Amino acid sequence: MGKNLVLTAAVGYKFNQIELFIKSLRKYYSDHICIISDYSDKNIDGELMKLNCEVIKTKVNKKEIQFKRYKIFKNYLKDKDFENILLCDGRDIYFQDNPFNFDFEGPINFFLEDYQIKNCPFNSNWIIKTYGQEKYNEILDKTILCSGTVLGINNKIIEYLDLINYQIENFKYRKRLKYFLTFRPDPEGRGCDQGHANFLVHKTIIKDVSYYSNEGGPFATVYYLKKINFDNSSRLINNRGEPYLLVHQYDKRWSEFSNAVNSLKKELNVF
């Protein structure tokens, strides 16, 4: 077993939707990658195995995997002993270096978006609809942290998974009436696991946490990133002029990232 693990989910995705994620990661990283995949999709498995990825098969629907992935992650890790683990999204991330190639300070590390919760309608809605206005008011001035990139040591990641699974089970998103009456998921609630992560961290339910800014840290979540700058190799760089290890949500700023991403795809033979 390698010392490090990258763990993600690709349920409902075709291989070409995560090909850039995998191939850019493999350019810099040779340790363990594990991906949750749908039982009904056999084609993706062969492509992933060619790139030395382990596959966890699930019958969980693609509309439910956003929340249920945490239980699958926890079950997978119960008999493992990795040194460091990165839990992350897959479709909207590409890598510019080994994601573990940094002197991370804490046993668990979160990456900020440099934007306050109260200024983001999505994050505000997720927290209000799960925890209520009073609890929201307690953390509305905090900076958003991204639940799509969380890195820590094995035991601390397991603690985090236990906590977020508890929050998901016990603090349900309050659906709008039409979805409640028809037993359908409310699309506005998709992503509220980020609300749970922000609540856990900002209320110090999980302790010994380290934070990294979006503008100067090792990971970039670019939706709210103020300055988009590239070096001569088309790598996104932070305010210290250093390439980020990974870039998240680049598709939400496509006009600024299209040249860099298409150049990387060409280099990696991603079509």
Protein backbone atom coordinates (compact mmCIF):
# COMPACT_ATOMS: atom_id res chain seq x y z
CA MET A 1 0.00 0.00 0.00
CA GLY A 2 1.27 3.45 -0.91
CA LYS A 3 1.55 6.00 1.85
CA ASN A 4 -0.93 8.46 0.32
CA LEU A 5 -4.45 8.19 -1.07
CA VAL A 6 -6.65 10.32 -3.32
CA LEU A 7 -10.30 9.39 -2.84
CA THR A 8 -13.14 10.64 -5.03
CA ALA A 9 -16.46 9.69 -6.62
CA ALA A 10 -17.38 9.49 -10.31
CA VAL A 11 -20.92 8.08 -10.15
CA GLY A 12 -22.90 9.24 -13.17
CA TYR A 13 -19.80 10.37 -15.04
CA LYS A 14 -18.32 9.02 -18.24
CA PHE A 15 -14.57 8.51 -18.37
CA ASN A 16 -14.02 11.63 -20.49
CA GLN A 17 -15.53 13.74 -17.67
CA ILE A 18 -12.81 12.69 -15.22
CA GLU A 19 -10.01 11.94 -17.67
CA LEU A 20 -8.29 15.30 -17.08
CA PHE A 21 -8.52 14.79 -13.31
CA ILE A 22 -6.89 11.34 -13.48
CA LYS A 23 -4.28 12.00 -16.13
CA SER A 24 -3.11 15.30 -14.66
CA LEU A 25 -2.87 13.64 -11.24
CA ARG A 26 -0.92 10.69 -12.64
CA LYS A 27 1.52 13.09 -14.27
CA TYR A 28 2.84 13.94 -10.79
CA TYR A 29 1.60 11.24 -8.44
CA SER A 30 2.14 7.45 -8.42
CA ASP A 31 0.50 6.46 -5.14
CA HIS A 32 -3.00 5.16 -4.50
CA ILE A 33 -6.13 6.52 -6.21
CA CYS A 34 -9.56 5.11 -5.42
CA ILE A 35 -12.75 6.11 -7.24
CA ILE A 36 -16.40 5.27 -6.56
CA SER A 37 -18.13 4.16 -9.76
CA ASP A 38 -21.62 3.06 -10.76
CA TYR A 39 -22.33 -0.68 -11.13
CA SER A 40 -24.19 0.00 -14.37
CA ASP A 41 -21.16 1.56 -16.08
CA LYS A 42 -18.60 -1.10 -17.01
CA ASN A 43 -16.69 0.97 -19.56
CA ILE A 44 -15.21 3.39 -17.08
CA ASP A 45 -13.63 0.61 -14.97
CA GLY A 46 -11.23 -0.56 -17.65
CA GLU A 47 -10.03 2.96 -18.38
CA LEU A 48 -9.47 3.65 -14.69
CA MET A 49 -7.56 0.41 -14.17
CA LYS A 50 -5.27 1.30 -17.08
CA LEU A 51 -4.27 4.31 -15.00
CA ASN A 52 -3.73 2.16 -11.91
CA CYS A 53 -6.86 3.28 -10.08
CA GLU A 54 -8.84 1.15 -7.66
CA VAL A 55 -12.59 1.18 -8.23
CA ILE A 56 -15.35 0.89 -5.62
CA LYS A 57 -18.65 -0.13 -7.22
CA THR A 58 -21.91 1.22 -5.87
CA LYS A 59 -25.62 1.12 -6.67
CA VAL A 60 -26.17 4.57 -5.17
CA ASN A 61 -27.98 6.86 -7.59
CA LYS A 62 -26.00 9.76 -9.05
CA LYS A 63 -28.46 12.21 -7.44
CA GLU A 64 -27.66 10.79 -3.99
CA ILE A 65 -23.91 10.17 -4.22
CA GLN A 66 -23.06 13.73 -3.12
CA PHE A 67 -24.07 12.77 0.43
CA LYS A 68 -23.73 9.00 0.46
CA ARG A 69 -20.13 9.07 -0.75
CA TYR A 70 -18.98 9.89 2.79
CA LYS A 71 -20.28 6.57 4.14
CA ILE A 72 -18.65 4.73 1.25
CA PHE A 73 -15.37 6.55 1.96
CA LYS A 74 -15.58 5.63 5.64
CA ASN A 75 -16.33 1.97 4.91
CA TYR A 76 -13.41 1.79 2.49
CA LEU A 77 -10.99 3.28 5.04
CA LYS A 78 -12.02 1.15 8.03
CA ASP A 79 -9.20 -1.37 7.53
CA LYS A 80 -6.68 0.93 5.84
CA ASP A 81 -3.73 2.82 7.27
CA PHE A 82 -2.62 5.47 4.82
CA GLU A 83 -0.32 8.27 5.89
CA ASN A 84 -2.22 11.10 4.18
CA ILE A 85 -5.59 11.22 2.41
CA LEU A 86 -7.09 13.75 0.02
CA LEU A 87 -10.89 13.68 -0.23
CA CYS A 88 -11.89 15.63 -3.31
CA ASP A 89 -14.30 16.24 -6.14
CA GLY A 90 -13.28 14.83 -9.49
CA ARG A 91 -14.97 16.30 -12.54
CA ASP A 92 -13.92 19.93 -12.00
CA ILE A 93 -10.34 19.52 -10.73
CA TYR A 94 -7.03 19.31 -12.52
CA PHE A 95 -3.57 19.02 -10.97
CA GLN A 96 -0.40 21.06 -11.47
CA ASP A 97 1.74 19.02 -9.04
CA ASN A 98 1.52 16.19 -6.52
CA PRO A 99 -1.24 17.34 -4.11
CA PHE A 100 0.79 16.08 -1.14
CA ASN A 101 3.88 18.05 -2.15
CA PHE A 102 3.45 20.71 0.54
CA ASP A 103 4.29 21.09 4.21
CA PHE A 104 0.73 20.92 5.54
CA GLU A 105 0.55 22.17 9.11
CA GLY A 106 -2.37 20.29 10.63
CA PRO A 107 -3.67 16.74 11.00
CA ILE A 108 -6.57 17.96 8.84
CA ASN A 109 -6.40 20.87 6.40
CA PHE A 110 -9.14 22.98 4.83
CA PHE A 111 -8.90 25.42 1.97
CA LEU A 112 -10.70 28.75 2.10
CA GLU A 113 -12.47 30.59 -0.71
CA ASP A 114 -11.67 34.12 0.55
CA TYR A 115 -15.36 35.00 0.58
CA GLN A 116 -17.62 35.28 3.59
CA ILE A 117 -20.51 32.86 4.02
CA LYS A 118 -23.02 35.72 4.27
CA ASN A 119 -22.01 36.99 0.84
CA CYS A 120 -22.64 33.68 -0.92
CA PRO A 121 -26.31 32.80 -1.55
CA PHE A 122 -25.52 29.11 -2.07
CA ASN A 123 -23.58 28.55 1.14
CA SER A 124 -26.01 30.72 3.11
CA ASN A 125 -28.99 28.73 1.84
CA TRP A 126 -27.37 25.36 2.62
CA ILE A 127 -26.63 26.35 6.23
CA ILE A 128 -29.96 28.07 6.90
CA LYS A 129 -31.95 25.17 5.47
CA THR A 130 -30.05 22.59 7.52
CA TYR A 131 -29.24 24.33 10.81
CA GLY A 132 -31.65 27.27 10.93
CA GLN A 133 -31.25 31.04 11.02
CA GLU A 134 -29.89 31.23 14.58
CA LYS A 135 -27.00 28.82 13.93
CA TYR A 136 -26.35 30.49 10.60
CA ASN A 137 -26.01 33.85 12.34
CA GLU A 138 -23.22 32.42 14.50
CA ILE A 139 -20.97 31.69 11.52
CA LEU A 140 -22.18 34.02 8.75
CA ASP A 141 -19.06 36.20 9.04
CA LYS A 142 -16.71 33.22 8.64
CA THR A 143 -14.84 32.57 5.41
CA ILE A 144 -16.23 29.81 3.21
CA LEU A 145 -14.17 26.65 3.22
CA CYS A 146 -14.41 24.23 0.32
CA SER A 147 -15.68 20.71 1.11
CA GLY A 148 -14.46 19.52 -2.30
CA THR A 149 -10.81 19.43 -1.16
CA VAL A 150 -9.99 18.16 2.34
CA LEU A 151 -6.57 16.73 3.18
CA GLY A 152 -5.43 15.07 6.38
CA ILE A 153 -3.85 12.12 8.12
CA ASN A 154 -5.68 8.79 8.11
CA ASN A 155 -7.22 8.92 11.62
CA LYS A 156 -8.28 12.56 11.35
CA ILE A 157 -9.97 11.99 8.01
CA ILE A 158 -11.91 9.09 9.55
CA GLU A 159 -12.96 11.38 12.41
CA TYR A 160 -14.11 13.98 9.89
CA LEU A 161 -16.09 11.36 7.94
CA ASP A 162 -17.81 10.16 11.12
CA LEU A 163 -18.76 13.73 12.00
CA ILE A 164 -20.04 14.72 8.57
CA ASN A 165 -22.01 11.48 8.25
CA TYR A 166 -23.66 12.30 11.56
CA GLN A 167 -24.49 15.83 10.42
CA ILE A 168 -25.94 14.60 7.11
CA GLU A 169 -28.10 12.04 8.90
CA ASN A 170 -29.35 14.34 11.66
CA PHE A 171 -29.59 17.75 9.99
CA LYS A 172 -31.55 17.25 6.79
CA TYR A 173 -31.97 19.97 4.19
CA ARG A 174 -35.50 21.38 4.48
CA LYS A 175 -36.92 20.97 1.01
CA ARG A 176 -39.32 23.34 -0.67
CA LEU A 177 -42.94 22.21 -0.41
CA LYS A 178 -43.33 20.94 -3.98
CA TYR A 179 -40.36 18.60 -3.53
CA PHE A 180 -41.49 17.54 -0.07
CA LEU A 181 -44.96 16.60 -1.36
CA THR A 182 -43.63 14.67 -4.36
CA PHE A 183 -40.80 12.90 -2.46
CA ARG A 184 -38.22 14.29 -4.85
CA PRO A 185 -34.82 15.74 -3.95
CA ASP A 186 -34.72 19.51 -3.95
CA PRO A 187 -32.01 20.54 -6.45
CA GLU A 188 -31.17 23.57 -4.31
CA GLY A 189 -30.07 21.18 -1.56
CA ARG A 190 -27.47 19.49 -3.72
CA GLY A 191 -24.12 20.56 -2.33
CA CYS A 192 -25.29 21.21 1.22
CA ASP A 193 -22.60 18.81 2.45
CA GLN A 194 -20.48 21.95 2.13
CA GLY A 195 -22.82 23.59 4.63
CA HIS A 196 -22.19 20.69 6.99
CA ALA A 197 -18.42 20.95 6.54
CA ASN A 198 -18.46 24.69 7.25
CA PHE A 199 -20.60 24.18 10.34
CA LEU A 200 -18.33 21.43 11.69
CA VAL A 201 -15.19 23.47 11.24
CA HIS A 202 -16.36 26.97 12.13
CA LYS A 203 -18.17 25.74 15.26
CA THR A 204 -14.96 23.84 16.20
CA ILE A 205 -16.84 20.54 16.44
CA ILE A 206 -13.77 19.14 14.73
CA LYS A 207 -10.55 20.43 16.27
CA ASP A 208 -6.86 20.76 15.37
CA VAL A 209 -7.71 22.22 11.99
CA SER A 210 -5.40 24.19 9.72
CA TYR A 211 -6.62 26.66 7.08
CA TYR A 212 -5.07 27.94 3.85
CA SER A 213 -6.10 31.03 1.97
CA ASN A 214 -7.31 30.83 -1.58
CA GLU A 215 -5.01 33.55 -2.87
CA GLY A 216 -1.82 32.33 -1.18
CA GLY A 217 -2.37 28.67 -0.39
CA PRO A 218 -1.51 25.43 -2.20
CA PHE A 219 -5.02 24.70 -3.58
CA ALA A 220 -7.17 27.04 -5.68
CA THR A 221 -10.97 27.04 -5.66
CA VAL A 222 -11.46 29.57 -8.39
CA TYR A 223 -15.17 30.48 -8.35
CA TYR A 224 -14.49 33.39 -5.97
CA LEU A 225 -10.75 33.74 -6.63
CA LYS A 226 -10.00 37.42 -7.10
CA LYS A 227 -6.90 37.22 -9.31
CA ILE A 228 -6.40 34.72 -12.12
CA ASN A 229 -2.74 34.70 -13.14
CA PHE A 230 -0.77 32.13 -15.11
CA ASP A 231 2.96 31.59 -15.49
CA ASN A 232 4.78 30.99 -18.78
CA SER A 233 3.82 27.31 -18.62
CA SER A 234 0.10 28.13 -18.35
CA ARG A 235 0.00 27.08 -14.70
CA LEU A 236 -2.28 29.01 -12.37
CA ILE A 237 -0.15 30.78 -9.76
CA ASN A 238 -0.93 32.17 -6.32
CA ASN A 239 -0.06 35.63 -4.98
CA ARG A 240 3.46 34.41 -4.15
CA GLY A 241 4.03 33.45 -7.78
CA GLU A 242 3.93 29.71 -6.98
CA PRO A 243 1.86 27.25 -9.04
CA TYR A 244 -1.09 25.83 -7.15
CA LEU A 245 -0.95 22.07 -6.62
CA LEU A 246 -4.50 21.71 -7.88
CA VAL A 247 -7.16 23.87 -9.52
CA HIS A 248 -10.82 23.43 -8.59
CA GLN A 249 -13.99 24.74 -10.33
CA TYR A 250 -12.11 25.90 -13.42
CA ASP A 251 -15.22 25.22 -15.53
CA LYS A 252 -17.04 28.04 -13.70
CA ARG A 253 -14.45 30.53 -15.06
CA TRP A 254 -14.08 28.88 -18.45
CA SER A 255 -13.38 32.03 -20.46
CA GLU A 256 -10.27 32.59 -18.32
CA PHE A 257 -9.17 28.95 -18.16
CA SER A 258 -9.95 27.62 -21.62
CA ASN A 259 -6.48 28.22 -23.07
CA ALA A 260 -4.62 26.73 -20.11
CA VAL A 261 -6.93 23.71 -19.85
CA ASN A 262 -6.92 23.00 -23.58
CA SER A 263 -3.14 23.19 -23.59
CA LEU A 264 -2.96 20.70 -20.72
CA LYS A 265 -5.46 18.39 -22.41
CA LYS A 266 -3.36 18.40 -25.56
CA GLU A 267 -0.25 17.56 -23.57
CA LEU A 268 -1.98 14.67 -21.79
CA ASN A 269 -3.91 13.40 -24.85
CA VAL A 270 -7.25 14.15 -23.27
CA PHE A 271 -10.08 14.55 -25.76
